[in-house]
Amino acid sequence: MKKIKNIGNIILLLNICSIIGCHEDKISPLEGSTNPPGQVSNVTVENLAGQAKVSYSLPKDQDLLYIKAVYNIRTGVSREVKSSYYANTLILDGFADTDEHEVSIYAVNRSEVASEPVKIIVKPLENPVWEVYRSLKILPDFAGVRITAENPHNANVALEIVKQDSLGKWEPFLPFIYSSQKQISQTTRGLEITPQKFGVTVRDRFQNYTDTLFGEITPFYEELLPKNLFKELRLPTDAAIQKVTAGIPLMWDGNNGNLTSQRMLTEPADPKPQWISIDLGQSAKLSRIKIWNYSEFMSDGNHQFYYRGQMRFFEIWGSENPNPDGSWDSWTKIGTFENIKPSGLPYGQNSAEDFAAGKAGFDYNFNSDAPKVRYLRFKNLQNWMGTTWFEILEINVYGDTR
């Protein structure tokens, strides 16, 4: 009886499917027309760096869906770009050279039926990777190598780096540099103070590569100054510190995790430039300082860099014997700095690149002709919200104490 009941259920289910039309869904065009649309007309070409801008008049077909262009960006590599019927331009990008390229432009309707092609010739200008390549520099830095380049078109580029090992073999040297900034600069540290050979190649997102620039550098000597010697130095003209924090020593407590609320924080009442002073515990010819900014916690659960009291324009001064009255006559300016947001986005907006840079901390190199100093003074000229109070999460100070 149980088997008979199950068979009955199966038959009932099959009958229901036949009534409501059980079937397999298939992806198909929006409409069923087999008539091709008309062609684009009045086509004009503006040749640009590594690309071309094509403008045109649309056909009058009511079922027009999009316009597409098909072309080769280099031998054996084709590309297809599309633009909706709301627009009348296409950007044909990815070209590796400045040769003439034939492009086929199609109008496509809602049935995915294409028109006959309109064939045009484009002759792109030089790919932006070559301007980046010609400006490349491989420079020595403190315990590291610095790669710089200019990127006037703000192109998305990758700088792939190789390093020669002790056996003469070239190996990838990470991290590679990925950037769309006009001024590209990245330092990788942790190198021995010996001659080192590097190579740098520039490529774009279409796998177009330049030649490789080779260079040999010897990193500059530096050491991380021990934080256990650092002390707070309170002078009469220094900014007041907010009581909510444990004060200036939080700048060297070893916590650079960004998400902590424990940081050095000055009082916001004074609208004039504010400063604080510290004692490094020993004299050194300073090379650079790394500053981690506190990331503001937002109500939506995210964190913001380049925000509120994080220093944007500031100076660092040094002294061997500061005047106890807090005046400036015993101090020497050893660096003027700007905290730069990589993306250049408006205040309150951070890209992934911005957040990664903030989380990693910011390096600032001191003037190479600065004297040996034992004491530092941080003078904030303007924070990211446009006033002068400031906050610092953590610092590392580097130099030569020999």
Protein backbone atom coordinates (compact mmCIF):
# COMPACT_ATOMS: atom_id res chain seq x y z
CA MET A 1 0.00 0.00 0.00
CA LYS A 2 2.85 2.33 0.83
CA LYS A 3 4.40 1.84 -2.65
CA ILE A 4 1.05 2.49 -4.34
CA LYS A 5 0.64 5.70 -2.33
CA ASN A 6 4.12 6.94 -3.37
CA ILE A 7 3.38 6.20 -7.04
CA GLY A 8 0.17 8.19 -6.72
CA ASN A 9 2.07 11.17 -5.33
CA ILE A 10 4.51 11.08 -8.23
CA ILE A 11 1.66 11.01 -10.77
CA LEU A 12 -0.01 13.95 -8.99
CA LEU A 13 3.21 15.93 -9.09
CA LEU A 14 3.67 15.28 -12.80
CA ASN A 15 0.12 16.46 -13.47
CA ILE A 16 0.74 19.70 -11.54
CA CYS A 17 3.92 20.34 -13.54
CA SER A 18 2.04 19.84 -16.80
CA ILE A 19 -0.64 22.31 -15.69
CA ILE A 20 1.66 25.13 -14.50
CA GLY A 21 4.17 24.57 -17.27
CA CYS A 22 7.27 23.19 -15.52
CA HIS A 23 10.16 23.76 -17.92
CA GLU A 24 13.86 24.57 -18.00
CA ASP A 25 14.61 28.31 -18.14
CA LYS A 26 16.74 29.38 -21.08
CA ILE A 27 18.61 32.64 -21.49
CA SER A 28 17.54 34.22 -24.76
CA PRO A 29 17.51 37.66 -26.40
CA LEU A 30 15.02 40.21 -25.11
CA GLU A 31 13.15 40.15 -28.44
CA GLY A 32 12.91 37.76 -31.35
CA SER A 33 13.61 40.02 -34.36
CA THR A 34 16.04 38.73 -36.98
CA ASN A 35 16.32 42.06 -38.79
CA PRO A 36 19.67 43.80 -38.26
CA PRO A 37 19.60 47.43 -37.16
CA GLY A 38 21.00 50.28 -39.17
CA GLN A 39 24.65 51.31 -38.98
CA VAL A 40 26.20 54.16 -37.01
CA SER A 41 27.02 57.25 -39.08
CA ASN A 42 29.00 60.50 -38.94
CA VAL A 43 31.90 58.69 -37.26
CA THR A 44 34.77 60.86 -36.00
CA VAL A 45 38.01 59.79 -34.29
CA GLU A 46 40.11 61.54 -31.64
CA ASN A 47 43.42 59.74 -31.15
CA LEU A 48 44.62 59.77 -27.53
CA ALA A 49 47.47 58.27 -25.49
CA GLY A 50 47.14 54.50 -25.89
CA GLN A 51 43.52 54.83 -26.96
CA ALA A 52 41.07 56.53 -29.29
CA LYS A 53 37.75 58.24 -28.69
CA VAL A 54 35.14 57.48 -31.35
CA SER A 55 31.99 59.60 -31.72
CA TYR A 56 29.05 58.74 -33.96
CA SER A 57 25.35 59.20 -34.70
CA LEU A 58 23.05 56.36 -33.67
CA PRO A 59 20.73 54.58 -36.08
CA LYS A 60 17.00 55.27 -35.65
CA ASP A 61 15.99 51.68 -34.79
CA GLN A 62 13.57 51.52 -31.84
CA ASP A 63 15.01 48.20 -30.63
CA LEU A 64 18.65 49.38 -30.55
CA LEU A 65 20.45 48.08 -27.45
CA TYR A 66 24.14 48.98 -27.72
CA ILE A 67 27.09 49.81 -29.97
CA LYS A 68 30.22 47.68 -29.95
CA ALA A 69 33.68 47.98 -31.47
CA VAL A 70 35.99 45.07 -32.24
CA TYR A 71 39.72 45.54 -32.87
CA ASN A 72 43.19 44.19 -32.15
CA ILE A 73 45.23 45.96 -29.47
CA ARG A 74 48.37 44.14 -30.64
CA THR A 75 49.16 41.18 -32.87
CA GLY A 76 46.98 38.23 -31.96
CA VAL A 77 45.10 40.00 -29.14
CA SER A 78 41.57 41.25 -29.87
CA ARG A 79 39.38 43.47 -27.72
CA GLU A 80 35.70 44.36 -27.73
CA VAL A 81 34.18 47.43 -26.07
CA LYS A 82 30.52 48.37 -25.80
CA SER A 83 28.47 51.50 -25.15
CA SER A 84 24.73 51.69 -24.47
CA TYR A 85 22.26 53.44 -26.77
CA TYR A 86 22.17 56.34 -24.27
CA ALA A 87 25.68 57.40 -25.37
CA ASN A 88 27.26 58.31 -28.69
CA THR A 89 30.93 57.68 -27.91
CA LEU A 90 33.25 54.72 -27.43
CA ILE A 91 36.69 54.68 -25.81
CA LEU A 92 38.91 52.19 -27.61
CA ASP A 93 41.72 51.49 -25.15
CA GLY A 94 44.58 49.03 -24.67
CA PHE A 95 46.70 49.83 -27.72
CA ALA A 96 50.37 48.90 -27.35
CA ASP A 97 51.75 50.96 -30.24
CA THR A 98 51.13 54.01 -32.42
CA ASP A 99 50.39 52.04 -35.60
CA GLU A 100 47.17 52.29 -37.57
CA HIS A 101 44.49 49.85 -36.42
CA GLU A 102 41.29 48.86 -38.21
CA VAL A 103 38.18 48.94 -36.02
CA SER A 104 34.79 47.41 -36.83
CA ILE A 105 31.82 49.19 -35.25
CA TYR A 106 28.47 47.41 -34.96
CA ALA A 107 25.01 48.47 -33.84
CA VAL A 108 23.27 45.65 -31.93
CA ASN A 109 19.53 45.35 -31.23
CA ARG A 110 17.62 43.70 -28.41
CA SER A 111 17.60 40.41 -30.29
CA GLU A 112 21.43 40.49 -30.27
CA VAL A 113 21.42 40.90 -34.03
CA ALA A 114 24.29 43.07 -35.25
CA SER A 115 24.35 45.49 -38.14
CA GLU A 116 26.87 45.39 -40.93
CA PRO A 117 30.15 46.84 -39.59
CA VAL A 118 31.38 50.34 -40.19
CA LYS A 119 35.15 50.07 -40.59
CA ILE A 120 37.38 52.93 -39.47
CA ILE A 121 41.10 53.47 -38.89
CA VAL A 122 42.52 54.79 -35.60
CA LYS A 123 46.12 55.72 -34.89
CA PRO A 124 46.57 56.04 -31.11
CA LEU A 125 49.22 58.20 -29.55
CA GLU A 126 52.01 56.68 -27.47
CA ASN A 127 50.86 54.41 -24.63
CA PRO A 128 51.26 56.17 -21.23
CA VAL A 129 53.53 53.37 -19.95
CA TRP A 130 56.38 54.78 -22.04
CA GLU A 131 56.23 58.23 -20.43
CA VAL A 132 56.30 56.51 -17.04
CA TYR A 133 59.25 54.37 -18.19
CA ARG A 134 61.34 57.32 -19.40
CA SER A 135 60.94 59.07 -16.04
CA LEU A 136 61.83 55.98 -13.96
CA LYS A 137 64.54 56.36 -11.32
CA ILE A 138 66.10 53.68 -9.11
CA LEU A 139 67.46 55.52 -6.07
CA PRO A 140 69.17 54.56 -2.82
CA ASP A 141 67.21 55.17 0.36
CA PHE A 142 67.78 54.51 4.03
CA ALA A 143 68.22 50.73 4.32
CA GLY A 144 66.31 50.38 1.07
CA VAL A 145 65.62 51.25 -2.55
CA ARG A 146 63.27 53.95 -3.78
CA ILE A 147 61.52 53.73 -7.17
CA THR A 148 60.11 56.98 -8.56
CA ALA A 149 58.36 57.90 -11.80
CA GLU A 150 56.06 60.51 -13.31
CA ASN A 151 52.63 59.49 -14.60
CA PRO A 152 51.15 62.60 -16.27
CA HIS A 153 48.08 60.77 -17.63
CA ASN A 154 47.17 59.22 -14.25
CA ALA A 155 47.21 55.87 -16.04
CA ASN A 156 46.68 52.67 -14.05
CA VAL A 157 50.14 51.14 -14.22
CA ALA A 158 52.17 48.45 -12.52
CA LEU A 159 55.89 48.77 -11.89
CA GLU A 160 57.29 45.25 -11.73
CA ILE A 161 60.64 45.04 -9.94
CA VAL A 162 63.37 42.40 -10.09
CA LYS A 163 66.52 42.11 -7.97
CA GLN A 164 69.72 40.22 -8.69
CA ASP A 165 70.61 37.66 -6.04
CA SER A 166 74.08 36.60 -4.89
CA LEU A 167 74.30 34.04 -7.72
CA GLY A 168 73.48 36.61 -10.40
CA LYS A 169 69.92 35.37 -10.90
CA TRP A 170 67.09 37.89 -11.31
CA GLU A 171 64.18 37.33 -8.93
CA PRO A 172 60.88 39.24 -8.41
CA PHE A 173 61.30 41.89 -5.71
CA LEU A 174 58.03 42.44 -3.89
CA PRO A 175 55.90 44.39 -3.42
CA PHE A 176 55.34 45.58 -6.99
CA ILE A 177 53.99 49.12 -7.35
CA TYR A 178 50.39 49.62 -8.52
CA SER A 179 49.40 53.23 -8.94
CA SER A 180 47.47 55.84 -10.90
CA GLN A 181 49.10 58.83 -9.16
CA LYS A 182 50.86 61.55 -11.14
CA GLN A 183 53.92 61.23 -8.92
CA ILE A 184 54.86 57.63 -8.14
CA SER A 185 57.27 56.93 -5.29
CA GLN A 186 57.74 53.81 -3.22
CA THR A 187 60.52 52.76 -0.88
CA THR A 188 61.16 49.16 0.12
CA ARG A 189 63.44 48.77 3.13
CA GLY A 190 65.21 46.01 4.99
CA LEU A 191 68.21 45.84 2.63
CA GLU A 192 71.83 45.36 3.61
CA ILE A 193 74.16 48.33 3.14
CA THR A 194 75.92 46.75 0.13
CA PRO A 195 75.68 47.32 -3.64
CA GLN A 196 72.38 45.96 -5.01
CA LYS A 197 71.15 45.61 -8.61
CA PHE A 198 67.52 46.17 -9.61
CA GLY A 199 65.39 46.21 -12.75
CA VAL A 200 62.00 47.90 -13.27
CA THR A 201 59.46 47.28 -16.04
CA VAL A 202 56.22 49.23 -16.53
CA ARG A 203 53.01 47.58 -17.74
CA ASP A 204 49.37 48.53 -18.06
CA ARG A 205 46.25 46.48 -17.30
CA PHE A 206 46.23 45.16 -20.89
CA GLN A 207 49.59 43.44 -20.39
CA ASN A 208 51.46 45.94 -22.54
CA TYR A 209 55.08 46.08 -21.29
CA THR A 210 57.95 48.52 -21.66
CA ASP A 211 61.64 47.67 -21.71
CA THR A 212 63.38 47.13 -18.36
CA LEU A 213 65.40 49.86 -16.67
CA PHE A 214 68.38 48.49 -14.71
CA GLY A 215 70.28 50.24 -11.95
CA GLU A 216 72.67 49.60 -9.08
CA ILE A 217 72.40 51.34 -5.71
CA THR A 218 73.93 51.10 -2.25
CA PRO A 219 71.37 51.82 0.50
CA PHE A 220 72.12 54.48 3.10
CA TYR A 221 72.86 53.36 6.64
CA GLU A 222 70.21 53.86 9.32
CA GLU A 223 68.97 52.23 12.50
CA LEU A 224 65.68 52.31 14.37
CA LEU A 225 66.17 54.45 17.47
CA PRO A 226 65.21 52.45 20.60
CA LYS A 227 61.90 53.67 21.99
CA ASN A 228 62.72 52.68 25.54
CA LEU A 229 64.91 55.82 25.65
CA PHE A 230 62.13 58.17 24.52
CA LYS A 231 60.69 60.57 27.10
CA GLU A 232 58.05 63.28 27.20
CA LEU A 233 59.45 66.83 27.24
CA ARG A 234 56.95 69.38 28.52
CA LEU A 235 57.87 72.99 27.74
CA PRO A 236 55.83 76.10 28.64
CA THR A 237 54.58 76.84 25.10
CA ASP A 238 53.65 73.24 24.22
CA ALA A 239 50.02 72.32 23.46
CA ALA A 240 47.77 70.97 26.19
CA ILE A 241 47.08 67.25 25.98
CA GLN A 242 43.54 65.91 26.31
CA LYS A 243 43.00 64.06 29.59
CA VAL A 244 41.02 61.30 27.86
CA THR A 245 44.32 59.79 26.69
CA ALA A 246 47.44 58.68 28.55
CA GLY A 247 49.36 61.45 26.82
CA ILE A 248 52.47 61.78 24.70
CA PRO A 249 54.11 58.42 25.68
CA LEU A 250 51.37 56.65 23.69
CA MET A 251 53.32 57.73 20.60
CA TRP A 252 55.94 55.05 21.35
CA ASP A 253 53.99 52.32 23.15
CA GLY A 254 54.39 49.95 20.19
CA ASN A 255 50.70 49.97 19.23
CA ASN A 256 50.36 51.01 15.60
CA GLY A 257 47.22 48.97 14.92
CA ASN A 258 45.19 52.04 13.80
CA LEU A 259 41.98 50.79 15.38
CA THR A 260 42.86 51.61 18.98
CA SER A 261 41.49 54.80 20.52
CA GLN A 262 44.62 55.29 22.67
CA ARG A 263 46.72 57.98 21.00
CA MET A 264 48.33 61.33 21.69
CA LEU A 265 45.65 63.99 21.34
CA THR A 266 45.98 67.75 21.84
CA GLU A 267 43.24 70.07 23.08
CA PRO A 268 41.24 71.68 20.22
CA ALA A 269 40.65 75.05 21.92
CA ASP A 270 43.77 76.85 20.60
CA PRO A 271 43.26 77.90 16.93
CA LYS A 272 46.96 78.75 16.37
CA PRO A 273 49.55 76.17 15.22
CA GLN A 274 50.16 73.67 18.02
CA TRP A 275 53.29 71.74 18.94
CA ILE A 276 54.57 69.12 21.34
CA SER A 277 58.15 68.17 22.26
CA ILE A 278 59.85 64.84 23.00
CA ASP A 279 63.27 63.61 24.11
CA LEU A 280 64.78 60.78 22.01
CA GLY A 281 67.19 59.92 24.80
CA GLN A 282 70.29 60.20 22.59
CA SER A 283 71.66 62.32 19.77
CA ALA A 284 71.41 61.09 16.19
CA LYS A 285 71.73 62.24 12.61
CA LEU A 286 68.10 61.54 11.71
CA SER A 287 67.10 60.06 8.37
CA ARG A 288 63.31 59.70 8.55
CA ILE A 289 60.28 59.27 10.74
CA LYS A 290 57.34 56.94 10.26
CA ILE A 291 54.01 58.19 11.61
CA TRP A 292 50.90 56.08 12.06
CA ASN A 293 47.68 58.08 12.18
CA TYR A 294 44.72 57.17 14.32
CA SER A 295 41.85 56.09 12.06
CA GLU A 296 38.59 57.70 13.08
CA PHE A 297 35.79 55.21 13.83
CA MET A 298 32.62 56.11 11.91
CA SER A 299 29.00 55.38 12.82
CA ASP A 300 28.68 53.01 9.83
CA GLY A 301 31.42 50.80 11.25
CA ASN A 302 34.14 51.96 8.84
CA HIS A 303 37.36 53.80 9.67
CA GLN A 304 38.61 57.03 8.12
CA PHE A 305 42.11 58.24 7.40
CA TYR A 306 42.90 61.80 6.18
CA TYR A 307 40.28 62.99 8.64
CA ARG A 308 39.71 65.38 11.55
CA GLY A 309 42.83 65.82 13.70
CA GLN A 310 45.26 63.79 11.61
CA MET A 311 48.14 66.10 10.64
CA ARG A 312 48.04 67.30 7.04
CA PHE A 313 50.58 70.14 6.91
CA PHE A 314 53.24 70.08 9.59
CA GLU A 315 56.88 70.70 10.50
CA ILE A 316 59.35 68.80 12.64
CA TRP A 317 62.11 70.69 14.45
CA GLY A 318 65.17 69.37 16.24
CA SER A 319 67.43 70.58 19.03
CA GLU A 320 70.42 69.44 21.05
CA ASN A 321 69.70 71.75 23.97
CA PRO A 322 66.21 73.31 23.95
CA ASN A 323 65.60 76.52 25.85
CA PRO A 324 63.52 75.64 28.96
CA ASP A 325 61.29 78.69 28.36
CA GLY A 326 59.74 76.93 25.33
CA SER A 327 60.92 79.50 22.78
CA TRP A 328 62.07 78.54 19.29
CA ASP A 329 65.54 80.12 19.28
CA SER A 330 67.28 76.83 20.11
CA TRP A 331 65.41 74.74 17.51
CA THR A 332 66.28 73.94 13.86
CA LYS A 333 63.65 72.96 11.32
CA ILE A 334 64.60 69.55 9.92
CA GLY A 335 61.56 68.90 7.74
CA THR A 336 58.36 70.41 6.27
CA PHE A 337 55.78 67.80 5.34
CA GLU A 338 52.38 67.15 3.83
CA ASN A 339 50.28 64.05 4.43
CA ILE A 340 49.12 63.18 0.89
CA LYS A 341 46.02 61.14 0.09
CA PRO A 342 46.95 58.89 -2.86
CA SER A 343 43.56 59.07 -4.60
CA GLY A 344 43.01 62.80 -4.19
CA LEU A 345 39.36 62.10 -3.33
CA PRO A 346 37.37 64.74 -1.41
CA TYR A 347 37.48 64.96 2.39
CA GLY A 348 35.72 62.04 4.03
CA GLN A 349 36.17 59.67 1.07
CA ASN A 350 38.87 56.97 1.05
CA SER A 351 39.76 54.57 -1.76
CA ALA A 352 41.24 51.13 -1.09
CA GLU A 353 44.67 52.60 -1.95
CA ASP A 354 44.12 55.43 0.56
CA PHE A 355 43.19 53.02 3.33
CA ALA A 356 46.13 50.72 2.62
CA ALA A 357 48.54 53.67 2.75
CA GLY A 358 47.06 54.92 6.03
CA LYS A 359 47.19 51.50 7.63
CA ALA A 360 50.85 51.05 6.61
CA GLY A 361 51.90 54.41 8.11
CA PHE A 362 53.61 57.34 6.38
CA ASP A 363 57.36 57.83 5.94
CA TYR A 364 58.80 61.34 5.97
CA ASN A 365 62.47 61.94 5.16
CA PHE A 366 64.33 64.62 7.09
CA ASN A 367 66.48 67.23 5.38
CA SER A 368 69.80 65.63 4.44
CA ASP A 369 71.77 68.62 5.79
CA ALA A 370 70.02 68.58 9.19
CA PRO A 371 72.37 68.49 12.21
CA LYS A 372 72.44 65.82 14.89
CA VAL A 373 69.60 66.31 17.37
CA ARG A 374 68.32 64.73 20.54
CA TYR A 375 64.98 66.51 20.95
CA LEU A 376 62.08 66.69 18.47
CA ARG A 377 59.23 69.16 18.22
CA PHE A 378 56.12 68.38 16.15
CA LYS A 379 54.46 71.58 14.91
CA ASN A 380 51.06 71.08 13.30
CA LEU A 381 50.09 73.82 10.85
CA GLN A 382 46.78 72.33 9.70
CA ASN A 383 44.91 69.11 10.27
CA TRP A 384 42.61 67.45 7.73
CA MET A 385 39.53 69.30 9.00
CA GLY A 386 41.27 72.67 8.60
CA THR A 387 42.13 73.51 12.24
CA THR A 388 45.34 72.91 14.22
CA TRP A 389 44.74 70.38 17.03
CA PHE A 390 46.29 67.04 16.20
CA GLU A 391 46.61 63.38 17.10
CA ILE A 392 49.38 60.82 16.60
CA LEU A 393 49.00 57.10 17.13
CA GLU A 394 52.60 55.86 16.89
CA ILE A 395 56.04 56.88 15.61
CA ASN A 396 59.26 55.19 14.57
CA VAL A 397 62.37 57.38 14.33
CA TYR A 398 65.36 56.33 12.23
CA GLY A 399 68.87 57.67 11.96
CA ASP A 400 72.57 57.18 12.64
CA THR A 401 73.70 57.35 16.27
CA ARG A 402 77.33 56.49 15.49
